[in-house]
């Protein structure tokens, strides 16, 4: 059975600086200056700064003073969770890599335990790397761990503060979720099935025509489906204006704003947003202005397309059109909420779909016996004269098991978005201060040997085993790693397939739109297994080429393009695919 450490745990994502052994008390090092108030902070500053008498010296004194006061406050409350030794003042800023931070956090977990504390200039970050710690804090204590941090860079400066993923719990977030649940709740999803199946068939035909462009086709599939469902917009091609704009914005959000864990100095010191353009270190403001303009463009332009289409009477039913028609005379507040709610759906849907499909290709290429078993089940249940539909799902348990294992093995979002702790807390005797940012290390949870024996192996059959313990069953169901917020598992707010979708977004609130995304991924993988043979590529002499797989992402764990041989199963398969084109034309 394949166990690929180079694919599963690429070590290039781990900081070259080896973490030093660090006990819980090391955050209160005895070597720290014993200063009792910020007014004495200048004693800790370099002499040249003091002699300059500059504003930087004053700011430095205040910073050091605040950090010392903060440290003494923490010392009085108890030991922080253990973690790598921080640098004076700067903290662990050098330990937080811009790429694959979950691998660094997993290394820390092996050395320090499943609850690890680091800090950047005094801002605490706590990484949770076990299902127990994650459920204890983000679920059972969700009332104090469920808030979202105010991220000045991503929110105010880059224009994301009104998007669903960034709105703190309150009236705005409630309004946004009501909109999404009205149009994309479980009861509404069957209405989208014909559209999803049409887009899926088009994707498979394009993939057969040019298999080496699988990444390009998967991006178009995810983008086209989302733009169609949300805005009623039909993508014209891979260089479509809205598709291109959307991909730019997803890249900004997932790989630029979110690099290094998504925490920028201005998030810790908001006053930095007032730096003049000429000031050293102000380059982030120019980046933010550029990114905000692009994000605003994507919020406004597709929404205006919907409104123009509605006025003309020539429009396709969509999330936006349905809600605008229901509102009859929409208020300014309603339209504002709808703009940002609609826009928020794109990034999560697109990259989750692309990432899952790429990991599916990788898994099938490495494990042809799994693909053969899934094809046997599909041939037996569906036959060879049509493609799988949503009505076949309950009769295809192994296909579902493959999807589950792709979710777990691939882990689309290995590190959750941060939560903000709203009040001081003590967990297992460790003091976690108010304002700490809490991140669930979903990568480590998905590799937990207690939950998933032989965790690095791709074994779909592990999900065919009957588990009598309902709590254990929920924890082991990898679909709980992808879409839904944990508190819904505890409160019993989910039904059917959606009830098994939890940890990756790691918020205490339900992830709206989950049913649509999960449905589109299932039908995509089922149709791919029904129609395609997937294997390692061969050179001109027929020798197998071992694929080289790299990951270079900040948020979504999508592999770089890798070589893969994709071809239709038979001439009869091609005939069935051509028939779908005739049916949908």
Protein backbone atom coordinates (compact mmCIF):
# COMPACT_ATOMS: atom_id res chain seq x y z
CA UNK A 1 0.00 0.00 0.00
CA UNK A 2 1.38 3.39 -0.95
CA UNK A 3 2.76 5.56 1.84
CA UNK A 4 4.37 8.68 0.43
CA UNK A 5 6.18 10.85 2.91
CA UNK A 6 7.39 13.08 0.09
CA UNK A 7 3.81 13.73 -0.95
CA UNK A 8 2.14 13.67 2.42
CA UNK A 9 4.70 15.59 4.45
CA UNK A 10 6.99 17.64 2.20
CA UNK A 11 9.65 18.87 4.58
CA UNK A 12 10.44 21.99 2.58
CA UNK A 13 7.48 23.58 4.32
CA UNK A 14 9.16 23.36 7.75
CA UNK A 15 11.33 26.16 9.08
CA UNK A 16 15.05 25.54 8.79
CA UNK A 17 15.51 26.81 12.33
CA UNK A 18 15.11 23.81 14.61
CA UNK A 19 12.76 24.60 17.49
CA UNK A 20 14.42 24.55 20.86
CA UNK A 21 13.04 22.48 23.67
CA UNK A 22 10.62 24.63 25.59
CA UNK A 23 8.56 24.00 28.67
CA UNK A 24 5.38 25.82 29.58
CA UNK A 25 7.25 28.24 31.82
CA UNK A 26 9.75 29.34 29.19
CA UNK A 27 7.44 32.13 28.07
CA UNK A 28 8.23 33.69 31.44
CA UNK A 29 11.99 33.32 31.20
CA UNK A 30 13.94 34.20 34.30
CA UNK A 31 16.43 36.07 32.12
CA UNK A 32 13.85 38.69 31.18
CA UNK A 33 14.40 42.18 32.65
CA UNK A 34 12.47 42.53 35.91
CA UNK A 35 10.70 45.76 35.06
CA UNK A 36 7.49 46.61 36.82
CA UNK A 37 5.98 49.25 34.53
CA UNK A 38 6.11 50.54 30.94
CA UNK A 39 7.86 53.69 32.16
CA UNK A 40 11.02 51.67 32.81
CA UNK A 41 10.98 50.04 29.38
CA UNK A 42 13.75 52.20 27.96
CA UNK A 43 16.20 50.16 29.99
CA UNK A 44 15.60 47.28 27.61
CA UNK A 45 16.16 49.32 24.43
CA UNK A 46 19.41 49.36 22.48
CA UNK A 47 21.55 52.38 23.51
CA UNK A 48 21.68 53.84 20.00
CA UNK A 49 17.90 54.11 19.91
CA UNK A 50 17.82 55.87 23.26
CA UNK A 51 20.51 58.33 22.20
CA UNK A 52 18.62 59.16 19.01
CA UNK A 53 15.73 60.58 20.98
CA UNK A 54 13.56 59.71 17.98
CA UNK A 55 9.88 58.77 17.74
CA UNK A 56 11.07 55.24 17.05
CA UNK A 57 12.75 55.18 20.47
CA UNK A 58 9.54 56.31 22.12
CA UNK A 59 7.54 53.72 20.20
CA UNK A 60 10.10 51.08 21.05
CA UNK A 61 9.95 51.95 24.73
CA UNK A 62 6.19 51.75 24.74
CA UNK A 63 6.25 48.44 22.88
CA UNK A 64 8.76 46.87 25.25
CA UNK A 65 6.86 48.22 28.22
CA UNK A 66 3.58 46.83 27.01
CA UNK A 67 5.13 43.44 26.30
CA UNK A 68 6.69 43.29 29.76
CA UNK A 69 3.42 44.32 31.40
CA UNK A 70 1.61 41.70 29.30
CA UNK A 71 4.16 39.04 30.28
CA UNK A 72 3.82 39.81 33.99
CA UNK A 73 0.04 39.64 33.65
CA UNK A 74 0.33 36.18 32.10
CA UNK A 75 2.78 35.05 34.77
CA UNK A 76 0.25 35.93 37.43
CA UNK A 77 -2.44 33.79 35.80
CA UNK A 78 -0.47 30.60 35.15
CA UNK A 79 1.72 28.89 32.58
CA UNK A 80 0.96 29.28 28.90
CA UNK A 81 0.80 26.19 26.69
CA UNK A 82 4.28 25.02 25.64
CA UNK A 83 5.83 25.95 22.34
CA UNK A 84 9.08 26.84 20.54
CA UNK A 85 11.25 29.40 22.32
CA UNK A 86 10.42 32.93 21.12
CA UNK A 87 12.88 35.70 20.35
CA UNK A 88 12.83 38.73 22.63
CA UNK A 89 10.05 41.14 21.62
CA UNK A 90 9.65 39.65 18.11
CA UNK A 91 8.41 36.34 19.45
CA UNK A 92 8.11 33.46 16.97
CA UNK A 93 7.86 35.56 13.86
CA UNK A 94 10.68 33.58 12.18
CA UNK A 95 8.95 30.27 12.89
CA UNK A 96 5.78 31.10 10.95
CA UNK A 97 6.45 30.09 7.37
CA UNK A 98 4.36 31.60 4.57
CA UNK A 99 3.73 28.18 3.02
CA UNK A 100 2.36 24.99 4.56
CA UNK A 101 2.26 26.31 8.11
CA UNK A 102 0.30 23.18 9.11
CA UNK A 103 3.45 21.09 8.70
CA UNK A 104 5.33 23.36 11.09
CA UNK A 105 2.43 23.12 13.56
CA UNK A 106 2.45 19.33 13.25
CA UNK A 107 6.18 19.25 14.03
CA UNK A 108 5.52 21.39 17.11
CA UNK A 109 2.72 19.06 18.20
CA UNK A 110 5.07 16.07 18.12
CA UNK A 111 7.56 17.91 20.32
CA UNK A 112 5.38 19.97 22.66
CA UNK A 113 1.94 18.35 22.63
CA UNK A 114 -1.43 18.93 21.00
CA UNK A 115 -1.86 22.49 22.35
CA UNK A 116 1.01 24.79 21.31
CA UNK A 117 1.42 28.52 21.99
CA UNK A 118 3.52 30.97 19.99
CA UNK A 119 3.40 34.73 19.75
CA UNK A 120 4.18 37.50 17.28
CA UNK A 121 5.05 40.79 18.99
CA UNK A 122 2.88 39.74 21.90
CA UNK A 123 -0.09 38.48 19.87
CA UNK A 124 -0.67 34.90 20.99
CA UNK A 125 -1.48 32.09 18.57
CA UNK A 126 -2.59 28.68 19.82
CA UNK A 127 -2.47 25.63 17.53
CA UNK A 128 -4.77 22.69 18.33
CA UNK A 129 -3.50 19.44 16.80
CA UNK A 130 -5.79 16.75 18.21
CA UNK A 131 -9.51 16.02 17.88
CA UNK A 132 -9.83 16.13 21.69
CA UNK A 133 -8.40 19.64 22.07
CA UNK A 134 -10.29 20.89 19.04
CA UNK A 135 -13.63 19.57 20.25
CA UNK A 136 -13.01 20.65 23.86
CA UNK A 137 -12.29 24.25 22.95
CA UNK A 138 -13.95 25.04 19.63
CA UNK A 139 -17.04 22.94 20.31
CA UNK A 140 -17.71 22.62 24.01
CA UNK A 141 -16.41 26.11 24.76
CA UNK A 142 -17.64 27.58 21.49
CA UNK A 143 -19.38 30.45 23.29
CA UNK A 144 -15.99 31.99 24.11
CA UNK A 145 -13.88 30.51 21.30
CA UNK A 146 -16.32 31.10 18.44
CA UNK A 147 -15.58 34.72 17.54
CA UNK A 148 -13.56 35.83 14.53
CA UNK A 149 -10.58 38.15 14.95
CA UNK A 150 -10.56 41.65 13.53
CA UNK A 151 -7.91 41.34 10.85
CA UNK A 152 -7.08 44.87 9.75
CA UNK A 153 -5.07 43.78 6.72
CA UNK A 154 -7.54 41.29 5.26
CA UNK A 155 -10.63 43.15 6.41
CA UNK A 156 -10.41 46.93 6.43
CA UNK A 157 -7.39 47.40 4.15
CA UNK A 158 -8.06 44.67 1.57
CA UNK A 159 -11.86 44.95 1.53
CA UNK A 160 -12.78 41.53 2.94
CA UNK A 161 -14.34 42.68 6.22
CA UNK A 162 -17.91 42.25 4.94
CA UNK A 163 -17.35 38.78 3.48
CA UNK A 164 -18.91 35.84 5.31
CA UNK A 165 -15.58 34.34 6.40
CA UNK A 166 -14.53 37.58 8.11
CA UNK A 167 -17.69 38.98 9.68
CA UNK A 168 -17.69 38.57 13.47
CA UNK A 169 -20.70 37.00 15.11
CA UNK A 170 -23.54 39.52 15.15
CA UNK A 171 -26.45 40.87 13.16
CA UNK A 172 -24.58 41.08 9.86
CA UNK A 173 -23.40 37.47 10.01
CA UNK A 174 -26.93 36.36 10.91
CA UNK A 175 -28.38 38.22 7.92
CA UNK A 176 -25.77 36.69 5.59
CA UNK A 177 -26.49 33.16 6.76
CA UNK A 178 -30.23 33.64 6.43
CA UNK A 179 -29.71 34.63 2.80
CA UNK A 180 -27.56 31.58 2.08
CA UNK A 181 -29.86 29.17 3.86
CA UNK A 182 -32.90 30.46 1.95
CA UNK A 183 -31.32 29.82 -1.43
CA UNK A 184 -28.87 27.00 -0.70
CA UNK A 185 -30.38 24.98 2.13
CA UNK A 186 -30.85 21.23 1.86
CA UNK A 187 -34.37 21.60 0.49
CA UNK A 188 -33.19 23.89 -2.32
CA UNK A 189 -30.31 21.74 -3.60
CA UNK A 190 -32.31 19.32 -5.83
CA UNK A 191 -33.29 22.30 -7.97
CA UNK A 192 -29.60 22.73 -8.85
CA UNK A 193 -28.98 19.06 -9.71
CA UNK A 194 -29.66 19.38 -13.48
CA UNK A 195 -27.26 22.33 -13.72
CA UNK A 196 -24.58 20.49 -11.73
CA UNK A 197 -24.92 17.37 -13.89
CA UNK A 198 -24.71 19.45 -17.09
CA UNK A 199 -21.51 21.17 -15.93
CA UNK A 200 -20.07 17.82 -14.82
CA UNK A 201 -20.68 16.17 -18.20
CA UNK A 202 -19.10 19.16 -19.96
CA UNK A 203 -16.07 18.89 -17.69
CA UNK A 204 -15.58 15.16 -18.41
CA UNK A 205 -15.83 15.76 -22.18
CA UNK A 206 -13.24 18.56 -21.97
CA UNK A 207 -10.97 16.37 -19.85
CA UNK A 208 -11.11 13.54 -22.38
CA UNK A 209 -10.32 15.98 -25.20
CA UNK A 210 -7.25 17.47 -23.47
CA UNK A 211 -6.34 15.49 -20.34
CA UNK A 212 -3.03 17.27 -19.77
CA UNK A 213 -5.07 20.41 -19.01
CA UNK A 214 -6.85 18.80 -16.06
CA UNK A 215 -6.01 21.70 -13.73
CA UNK A 216 -7.35 24.23 -16.21
CA UNK A 217 -10.52 22.19 -16.77
CA UNK A 218 -11.13 21.75 -13.04
CA UNK A 219 -10.78 25.49 -12.48
CA UNK A 220 -13.23 26.21 -15.24
CA UNK A 221 -15.66 23.60 -13.91
CA UNK A 222 -15.60 24.97 -10.36
CA UNK A 223 -15.68 28.59 -11.48
CA UNK A 224 -18.35 28.09 -14.12
CA UNK A 225 -20.61 26.14 -11.80
CA UNK A 226 -20.31 28.69 -9.00
CA UNK A 227 -20.82 31.72 -11.27
CA UNK A 228 -23.85 30.02 -12.81
CA UNK A 229 -25.44 29.05 -9.49
CA UNK A 230 -24.70 32.34 -7.74
CA UNK A 231 -25.15 34.87 -10.54
CA UNK A 232 -26.79 33.00 -13.42
CA UNK A 233 -23.72 33.81 -15.51
CA UNK A 234 -22.56 31.46 -18.27
CA UNK A 235 -18.79 31.32 -18.64
CA UNK A 236 -17.68 31.87 -22.23
CA UNK A 237 -14.27 30.19 -22.02
CA UNK A 238 -11.13 29.79 -19.93
CA UNK A 239 -10.27 33.47 -20.51
CA UNK A 240 -13.76 34.67 -19.55
CA UNK A 241 -13.64 38.10 -17.86
CA UNK A 242 -15.50 37.09 -14.70
CA UNK A 243 -13.69 33.76 -14.40
CA UNK A 244 -10.32 35.50 -14.73
CA UNK A 245 -11.31 38.16 -12.20
CA UNK A 246 -12.57 35.54 -9.77
CA UNK A 247 -9.35 33.51 -9.97
CA UNK A 248 -7.27 36.63 -9.36
CA UNK A 249 -9.27 37.38 -6.23
CA UNK A 250 -9.07 33.82 -4.94
CA UNK A 251 -5.29 33.92 -5.39
CA UNK A 252 -5.09 37.24 -3.53
CA UNK A 253 -7.13 35.90 -0.65
CA UNK A 254 -5.69 32.37 -0.40
CA UNK A 255 -2.02 32.91 -1.26
CA UNK A 256 -1.19 36.59 -0.71
CA UNK A 257 -3.27 37.97 2.15
CA UNK A 258 -3.19 34.63 3.97
CA UNK A 259 0.54 33.92 3.64
CA UNK A 260 2.28 33.24 6.94
CA UNK A 261 -0.95 32.37 8.68
CA UNK A 262 -2.73 35.54 7.56
CA UNK A 263 -1.48 37.64 10.49
CA UNK A 264 0.21 40.92 9.48
CA UNK A 265 1.95 43.44 11.78
CA UNK A 266 -0.91 45.88 11.20
CA UNK A 267 -3.29 43.29 12.68
CA UNK A 268 -1.34 43.49 15.92
CA UNK A 269 -0.64 47.24 15.76
CA UNK A 270 -3.59 48.82 13.89
CA UNK A 271 -1.98 52.28 14.06
CA UNK A 272 0.42 51.11 11.34
CA UNK A 273 -2.39 51.62 8.82
CA UNK A 274 -1.77 55.38 9.18
CA UNK A 275 1.87 55.17 8.07
CA UNK A 276 2.67 57.62 5.25
CA UNK A 277 3.60 56.10 1.91
CA UNK A 278 7.23 57.22 2.26
CA UNK A 279 7.75 55.58 5.65
CA UNK A 280 9.94 52.46 5.91
CA UNK A 281 7.80 49.34 6.19
CA UNK A 282 4.72 50.91 4.59
CA UNK A 283 4.86 48.78 1.44
CA UNK A 284 1.99 46.61 2.69
CA UNK A 285 -0.37 49.59 2.30
CA UNK A 286 0.29 49.83 -1.45
CA UNK A 287 -0.32 46.10 -1.78
CA UNK A 288 -3.55 46.41 0.20
CA UNK A 289 -4.83 49.25 -2.01
CA UNK A 290 -4.19 47.18 -5.12
CA UNK A 291 -5.80 44.06 -3.68
CA UNK A 292 -8.81 45.96 -2.33
CA UNK A 293 -9.52 47.48 -5.74
CA UNK A 294 -9.54 44.02 -7.29
CA UNK A 295 -11.72 42.51 -4.54
CA UNK A 296 -14.23 45.38 -4.82
CA UNK A 297 -14.37 44.90 -8.57
CA UNK A 298 -15.35 41.26 -8.11
CA UNK A 299 -17.98 42.14 -5.51
CA UNK A 300 -19.64 44.73 -7.74
CA UNK A 301 -19.37 43.56 -11.36
CA UNK A 302 -21.10 40.13 -11.25
CA UNK A 303 -23.84 41.57 -9.03
CA UNK A 304 -24.48 44.39 -11.52
CA UNK A 305 -24.69 41.73 -14.24
CA UNK A 306 -27.55 40.08 -12.34
CA UNK A 307 -29.43 43.36 -11.86
CA UNK A 308 -29.03 44.31 -15.52
CA UNK A 309 -30.22 40.86 -16.60
CA UNK A 310 -33.28 41.09 -14.34
CA UNK A 311 -34.24 44.46 -15.79
CA UNK A 312 -33.99 43.11 -19.33
CA UNK A 313 -36.04 40.03 -18.49
CA UNK A 314 -33.32 37.81 -19.98
CA UNK A 315 -31.74 35.98 -17.09
CA UNK A 316 -31.01 32.51 -15.78
CA UNK A 317 -32.36 31.61 -12.31
CA UNK A 318 -29.65 31.97 -9.67
CA UNK A 319 -28.96 32.58 -6.00
CA UNK A 320 -29.00 36.37 -6.53
CA UNK A 321 -31.96 36.54 -8.90
CA UNK A 322 -34.12 34.38 -6.64
CA UNK A 323 -33.43 36.51 -3.57
CA UNK A 324 -33.86 39.80 -5.45
CA UNK A 325 -37.19 38.66 -6.87
CA UNK A 326 -38.37 37.50 -3.45
CA UNK A 327 -37.42 40.85 -1.93
CA UNK A 328 -39.52 42.74 -4.54
CA UNK A 329 -38.29 46.15 -3.29
CA UNK A 330 -34.86 45.36 -1.80
CA UNK A 331 -33.45 47.82 0.70
CA UNK A 332 -29.94 49.24 0.51
CA UNK A 333 -28.93 47.04 3.46
CA UNK A 334 -30.38 43.94 1.78
CA UNK A 335 -28.43 44.57 -1.43
CA UNK A 336 -25.23 45.25 0.49
CA UNK A 337 -25.58 41.95 2.35
CA UNK A 338 -26.45 40.10 -0.85
CA UNK A 339 -23.42 41.48 -2.73
CA UNK A 340 -20.96 40.25 -0.14
CA UNK A 341 -22.75 37.01 0.64
CA UNK A 342 -22.77 36.04 -3.04
CA UNK A 343 -19.13 36.97 -3.48
CA UNK A 344 -18.09 35.00 -0.39
CA UNK A 345 -19.37 31.76 -1.87
CA UNK A 346 -16.84 31.73 -4.70
CA UNK A 347 -13.48 31.16 -2.97
CA UNK A 348 -14.61 28.32 -0.70
CA UNK A 349 -16.49 26.53 -3.47
CA UNK A 350 -13.87 26.91 -6.16
CA UNK A 351 -10.71 25.93 -4.32
CA UNK A 352 -12.35 23.15 -2.31
CA UNK A 353 -13.57 21.58 -5.56
CA UNK A 354 -10.27 21.99 -7.39
CA UNK A 355 -8.20 20.72 -4.48
CA UNK A 356 -10.41 17.68 -3.94
CA UNK A 357 -10.39 16.73 -7.62
CA UNK A 358 -6.59 17.04 -7.92
CA UNK A 359 -6.13 14.81 -4.88
CA UNK A 360 -8.62 12.37 -6.38
CA UNK A 361 -6.53 12.16 -9.57
CA UNK A 362 -3.38 11.66 -7.52
CA UNK A 363 -4.97 8.92 -5.41
CA UNK A 364 -6.41 7.03 -8.39
CA UNK A 365 -3.10 7.24 -10.23
CA UNK A 366 -1.26 5.79 -7.24
CA UNK A 367 -3.94 3.20 -6.41
CA UNK A 368 -5.39 1.62 -9.58
CA UNK A 369 -6.96 -1.18 -7.49
CA UNK A 370 -9.19 1.39 -5.77
CA UNK A 371 -10.35 2.82 -9.08
CA UNK A 372 -11.05 -0.68 -10.43
CA UNK A 373 -13.19 -1.54 -7.39
CA UNK A 374 -15.18 1.69 -7.72
CA UNK A 375 -15.73 1.07 -11.43
CA UNK A 376 -16.98 -2.44 -10.72
CA UNK A 377 -19.55 -1.03 -8.28
CA UNK A 378 -20.68 1.64 -10.76
CA UNK A 379 -20.96 -0.87 -13.62
CA UNK A 380 -23.02 -3.18 -11.43
CA UNK A 381 -25.40 -0.50 -10.11
CA UNK A 382 -25.58 2.03 -12.94
CA UNK A 383 -24.65 -0.02 -15.98
CA UNK A 384 -22.58 1.15 -18.92
CA UNK A 385 -25.25 2.95 -20.97
CA UNK A 386 -25.60 6.04 -18.77
CA UNK A 387 -23.63 8.06 -16.25
CA UNK A 388 -24.20 8.14 -12.48
CA UNK A 389 -26.80 10.58 -11.19
CA UNK A 390 -27.65 11.87 -7.73
CA UNK A 391 -30.36 9.23 -7.42
CA UNK A 392 -27.64 6.53 -7.49
CA UNK A 393 -25.73 7.83 -4.48
CA UNK A 394 -27.24 5.64 -1.77
CA UNK A 395 -26.50 2.56 -3.89
CA UNK A 396 -22.80 3.37 -4.33
CA UNK A 397 -21.22 2.98 -0.85
CA UNK A 398 -17.68 2.37 -2.10
CA UNK A 399 -17.82 5.47 -4.31
CA UNK A 400 -18.80 7.40 -1.19
CA UNK A 401 -15.92 5.76 0.68
CA UNK A 402 -13.47 6.91 -2.01
CA UNK A 403 -14.75 10.47 -1.67
CA UNK A 404 -14.40 10.27 2.11
CA UNK A 405 -10.81 9.11 1.87
CA UNK A 406 -9.96 11.80 -0.68
CA UNK A 407 -11.26 14.38 1.79
CA UNK A 408 -9.17 12.94 4.63
CA UNK A 409 -6.03 12.09 2.69
CA UNK A 410 -6.01 15.30 0.64
CA UNK A 411 -7.21 17.73 3.35
CA UNK A 412 -8.30 20.71 1.20
CA UNK A 413 -7.83 23.24 4.04
CA UNK A 414 -5.24 21.84 6.50
CA UNK A 415 -5.25 24.82 8.88
CA UNK A 416 -8.46 26.50 9.96
CA UNK A 417 -9.16 30.19 9.81
CA UNK A 418 -8.32 31.73 13.20
CA UNK A 419 -10.80 32.11 16.05
CA UNK A 420 -10.48 34.80 18.69
CA UNK A 421 -10.79 33.88 22.34
CA UNK A 422 -13.22 36.32 23.95
CA UNK A 423 -12.15 35.86 27.58
CA UNK A 424 -9.32 34.31 29.59
CA UNK A 425 -9.52 30.53 29.82
CA UNK A 426 -7.69 27.67 31.52
CA UNK A 427 -7.43 24.31 29.75
CA UNK A 428 -5.67 21.31 31.32
CA UNK A 429 -3.99 23.74 33.71
CA UNK A 430 -2.68 25.89 30.84
CA UNK A 431 -3.62 29.57 30.76
CA UNK A 432 -4.90 30.84 27.40
CA UNK A 433 -5.30 34.63 27.52
CA UNK A 434 -8.18 36.64 26.10
CA UNK A 435 -7.51 37.80 22.54
CA UNK A 436 -5.46 34.73 21.58
CA UNK A 437 -5.99 33.50 18.04
CA UNK A 438 -6.90 29.80 17.94
CA UNK A 439 -6.15 27.65 14.89
CA UNK A 440 -7.18 24.03 14.41
CA UNK A 441 -4.46 21.96 12.74
CA UNK A 442 -6.73 19.80 10.61
CA UNK A 443 -3.72 18.21 8.90
CA UNK A 444 -2.58 16.71 12.20
CA UNK A 445 -6.11 15.59 13.07
CA UNK A 446 -6.47 13.81 9.73
CA UNK A 447 -3.19 11.99 10.44
CA UNK A 448 -4.19 10.92 13.96
CA UNK A 449 -3.26 7.22 14.16
CA UNK A 450 -5.80 6.66 16.92
CA UNK A 451 -8.62 7.69 14.60
CA UNK A 452 -7.07 6.55 11.32
CA UNK A 453 -4.68 3.59 11.64
CA UNK A 454 -2.03 3.65 8.92
CA UNK A 455 -3.08 7.27 8.37
CA UNK A 456 -0.63 8.06 5.56
CA UNK A 457 -2.11 5.29 3.39
CA UNK A 458 -5.07 5.77 1.05
CA UNK A 459 -7.62 3.20 2.31
CA UNK A 460 -11.26 3.89 1.34
CA UNK A 461 -12.38 0.60 2.89
CA UNK A 462 -11.83 2.08 6.35
CA UNK A 463 -15.19 3.85 5.88
CA UNK A 464 -17.09 0.65 5.17
CA UNK A 465 -16.46 -0.59 8.71
CA UNK A 466 -19.39 -0.40 11.10
CA UNK A 467 -18.68 1.80 14.13
CA UNK A 468 -21.10 1.50 17.04
CA UNK A 469 -19.86 4.52 18.99
CA UNK A 470 -21.65 7.55 17.43
CA UNK A 471 -19.12 10.06 18.78
CA UNK A 472 -16.20 8.09 17.33
CA UNK A 473 -18.09 7.68 14.04
CA UNK A 474 -18.48 11.44 13.72
CA UNK A 475 -14.84 12.08 14.52
CA UNK A 476 -13.68 9.51 11.97
CA UNK A 477 -15.95 10.73 9.19
CA UNK A 478 -13.59 12.84 7.05
CA UNK A 479 -16.45 14.74 5.49
CA UNK A 480 -16.55 16.43 8.87
CA UNK A 481 -13.15 17.88 7.91
CA UNK A 482 -14.40 19.87 4.99
CA UNK A 483 -17.51 21.96 5.31
CA UNK A 484 -19.45 22.37 8.56
CA UNK A 485 -18.81 24.15 11.86
CA UNK A 486 -18.29 21.80 14.85
CA UNK A 487 -21.05 23.06 17.14
CA UNK A 488 -23.64 21.77 14.70
CA UNK A 489 -22.36 18.26 15.33
CA UNK A 490 -22.90 18.71 19.04
CA UNK A 491 -26.25 20.46 18.72
CA UNK A 492 -27.57 18.03 16.13
CA UNK A 493 -28.37 20.74 13.59
CA UNK A 494 -27.50 18.72 10.47
CA UNK A 495 -29.21 16.07 8.43
CA UNK A 496 -28.38 13.41 5.84
CA UNK A 497 -24.98 13.71 4.15
CA UNK A 498 -24.46 17.25 5.49
CA UNK A 499 -24.40 16.00 9.08
CA UNK A 500 -20.92 14.58 8.58
CA UNK A 501 -19.08 17.71 7.44
CA UNK A 502 -17.09 19.66 10.05
CA UNK A 503 -13.52 20.46 10.97
CA UNK A 504 -11.77 22.32 8.17
CA UNK A 505 -13.48 25.67 8.52
CA UNK A 506 -13.55 25.18 12.29
CA UNK A 507 -16.11 27.78 13.28
CA UNK A 508 -18.88 27.30 15.79
CA UNK A 509 -21.46 28.17 13.15
CA UNK A 510 -22.75 26.15 10.23
CA UNK A 511 -20.97 26.71 6.92
CA UNK A 512 -23.75 27.83 4.56
CA UNK A 513 -23.76 26.43 1.05
CA UNK A 514 -22.16 23.16 2.15
CA UNK A 515 -24.76 20.97 0.46
CA UNK A 516 -24.19 22.54 -2.94
CA UNK A 517 -20.41 22.15 -2.86
CA UNK A 518 -20.51 18.62 -1.46
CA UNK A 519 -23.08 17.54 -4.05
CA UNK A 520 -21.05 18.92 -6.94
CA UNK A 521 -17.89 17.15 -5.73
CA UNK A 522 -19.68 13.81 -5.34
CA UNK A 523 -21.20 13.83 -8.83
CA UNK A 524 -17.88 14.98 -10.30
CA UNK A 525 -15.90 12.11 -8.79
CA UNK A 526 -18.60 9.51 -9.51
CA UNK A 527 -18.71 10.49 -13.19
CA UNK A 528 -14.92 10.57 -13.43
CA UNK A 529 -14.64 7.03 -12.02
CA UNK A 530 -17.39 5.82 -14.36
CA UNK A 531 -15.74 7.14 -17.52
CA UNK A 532 -11.97 7.41 -17.02
CA UNK A 533 -8.92 5.23 -16.59
CA UNK A 534 -6.26 7.07 -14.58
CA UNK A 535 -2.67 5.87 -14.27
CA UNK A 536 0.95 6.94 -14.04
CA UNK A 537 2.36 8.35 -17.28
CA UNK A 538 4.84 6.47 -19.44
CA UNK A 539 7.75 7.67 -21.54
CA UNK A 540 8.20 6.97 -25.25
CA UNK A 541 9.67 3.56 -24.44
CA UNK A 542 6.74 2.50 -22.28
CA UNK A 543 8.55 2.97 -18.98
CA UNK A 544 6.46 4.23 -16.07
CA UNK A 545 7.27 7.78 -14.96
CA UNK A 546 7.03 8.35 -11.23
CA UNK A 547 5.13 11.61 -10.70
CA UNK A 548 6.73 14.54 -8.90
CA UNK A 549 4.22 16.18 -6.59
CA UNK A 550 4.83 19.47 -4.79
CA UNK A 551 2.65 21.72 -2.64
CA UNK A 552 3.22 25.47 -2.41
CA UNK A 553 0.09 26.93 -0.85
CA UNK A 554 -0.86 29.09 2.10
CA UNK A 555 -4.49 28.08 2.69
CA UNK A 556 -5.82 25.49 0.23
CA UNK A 557 -3.57 22.43 -0.12
CA UNK A 558 -3.76 22.03 -3.88
CA UNK A 559 -0.83 20.20 -5.52
CA UNK A 560 1.19 21.80 -8.27
CA UNK A 561 0.48 20.38 -11.72
CA UNK A 562 1.77 16.80 -11.96
CA UNK A 563 2.00 14.35 -14.86
CA UNK A 564 -0.90 11.92 -15.11
CA UNK A 565 -2.31 9.62 -17.80
CA UNK A 566 -6.07 10.14 -18.24
CA UNK A 567 -8.07 8.42 -20.97
CA UNK A 568 -11.64 7.17 -21.60
CA UNK A 569 -12.35 3.62 -20.44
CA UNK A 570 -13.61 2.48 -23.87
CA UNK A 571 -15.11 3.52 -27.19
CA UNK A 572 -18.53 2.92 -25.64
CA UNK A 573 -17.69 5.45 -22.93
CA UNK A 574 -16.99 8.06 -25.61
CA UNK A 575 -20.36 7.31 -27.19
CA UNK A 576 -22.16 7.82 -23.87
CA UNK A 577 -20.31 11.10 -23.33
CA UNK A 578 -21.31 12.35 -26.79
CA UNK A 579 -24.91 11.53 -25.96
CA UNK A 580 -24.76 13.82 -22.92
CA UNK A 581 -23.70 16.67 -25.19
CA UNK A 582 -26.73 16.05 -27.42
CA UNK A 583 -29.04 15.83 -24.41
CA UNK A 584 -27.91 19.17 -22.96
CA UNK A 585 -27.71 21.08 -26.24
